[in-house]
Amino acid sequence: MWFDNKKRKQFIKEEIQFSTINPDKSLRFKWIDGKSTIEVRFYSKGESKMQVVVDHNRISGKPEAEKMRNYWKEVLEKIGQP
């Protein structure tokens, strides 16, 4: 889902360009604000499960951090729905 533009658009509407891609391990990209960066890591949890960890770095302050925490929580919940 993360690497297919059409599928990714179902849960992340913003345009992103990856700066680093390690298939099945991690990816990085700059956020739409042009300042903060996103790192997404993937951890296998058996044959049919995976843990996804999102780190949103260089956020401007606590209100922005809370906003982005809620945003990524919502995105990950969408991804996890069958």
Protein backbone atom coordinates (compact mmCIF):
# COMPACT_ATOMS: atom_id res chain seq x y z
CA MET A 1 0.00 0.00 0.00
CA TRP A 2 2.74 2.47 0.88
CA PHE A 3 4.54 2.10 -2.46
CA ASP A 4 1.53 2.08 -4.79
CA ASN A 5 0.35 5.68 -5.42
CA LYS A 6 -3.25 4.68 -6.12
CA LYS A 7 -3.56 2.49 -3.02
CA ARG A 8 -1.73 5.00 -0.81
CA LYS A 9 -4.15 7.77 -1.86
CA GLN A 10 -6.90 5.81 -0.09
CA PHE A 11 -5.37 6.63 3.28
CA ILE A 12 -2.88 9.50 2.65
CA LYS A 13 -4.30 12.22 0.39
CA GLU A 14 -1.17 14.39 0.41
CA GLU A 15 1.41 14.08 -2.37
CA ILE A 16 4.65 12.60 -1.07
CA GLN A 17 8.03 11.84 -2.60
CA PHE A 18 10.16 9.20 -0.95
CA SER A 19 13.77 10.06 -0.15
CA THR A 20 14.66 6.55 1.07
CA ILE A 21 13.02 3.20 0.41
CA ASN A 22 14.12 -0.09 1.97
CA PRO A 23 11.43 -2.53 0.76
CA ASP A 24 9.67 -4.39 3.58
CA LYS A 25 11.77 -2.50 6.16
CA SER A 26 11.37 1.28 6.07
CA LEU A 27 10.80 4.41 4.06
CA ARG A 28 11.37 8.13 4.50
CA PHE A 29 9.86 11.21 2.97
CA LYS A 30 9.56 14.94 3.57
CA TRP A 31 6.15 16.09 4.76
CA ILE A 32 4.06 18.62 2.83
CA ASP A 33 5.22 21.46 5.10
CA GLY A 34 8.69 21.04 3.54
CA LYS A 35 10.34 21.01 6.96
CA SER A 36 9.34 17.90 8.87
CA THR A 37 10.28 14.38 7.86
CA ILE A 38 8.49 11.07 8.17
CA GLU A 39 10.08 7.69 8.79
CA VAL A 40 7.90 4.60 8.53
CA ARG A 41 9.27 1.27 9.75
CA PHE A 42 7.77 -2.16 9.16
CA TYR A 43 8.19 -5.13 11.52
CA SER A 44 6.98 -8.60 10.63
CA LYS A 45 4.82 -10.20 13.33
CA GLY A 46 4.27 -13.59 11.72
CA GLU A 47 2.96 -14.58 8.31
CA SER A 48 -0.16 -12.41 8.30
CA LYS A 49 0.67 -9.52 10.65
CA MET A 50 2.92 -6.51 10.53
CA GLN A 51 3.65 -3.68 12.94
CA VAL A 52 3.98 -0.23 11.39
CA VAL A 53 5.75 2.56 13.30
CA VAL A 54 5.57 6.16 12.09
CA ASP A 55 8.00 8.80 13.36
CA HIS A 56 7.17 12.39 12.36
CA ASN A 57 10.30 14.44 13.06
CA ARG A 58 11.02 18.19 13.25
CA ILE A 59 7.54 19.19 14.32
CA SER A 60 7.21 22.86 15.31
CA GLY A 61 5.68 22.44 18.77
CA LYS A 62 3.31 20.63 21.08
CA PRO A 63 0.05 21.66 19.33
CA GLU A 64 1.44 20.53 15.97
CA ALA A 65 2.72 17.29 17.53
CA GLU A 66 -0.75 16.50 18.90
CA LYS A 67 -2.37 17.29 15.54
CA MET A 68 0.04 15.01 13.67
CA ARG A 69 -0.24 12.25 16.29
CA ASN A 70 -4.00 12.20 15.69
CA TYR A 71 -3.50 12.34 11.92
CA TRP A 72 -1.15 9.32 11.87
CA LYS A 73 -3.33 7.40 14.30
CA GLU A 74 -6.27 7.88 11.93
CA VAL A 75 -4.19 6.83 8.91
CA LEU A 76 -2.92 3.67 10.62
CA GLU A 77 -6.43 2.76 11.74
CA LYS A 78 -7.64 3.05 8.13
CA ILE A 79 -4.83 0.82 6.92
CA GLY A 80 -5.60 -1.79 9.57
CA GLN A 81 -9.25 -2.14 8.57
CA PRO A 82 -10.06 -5.15 6.41
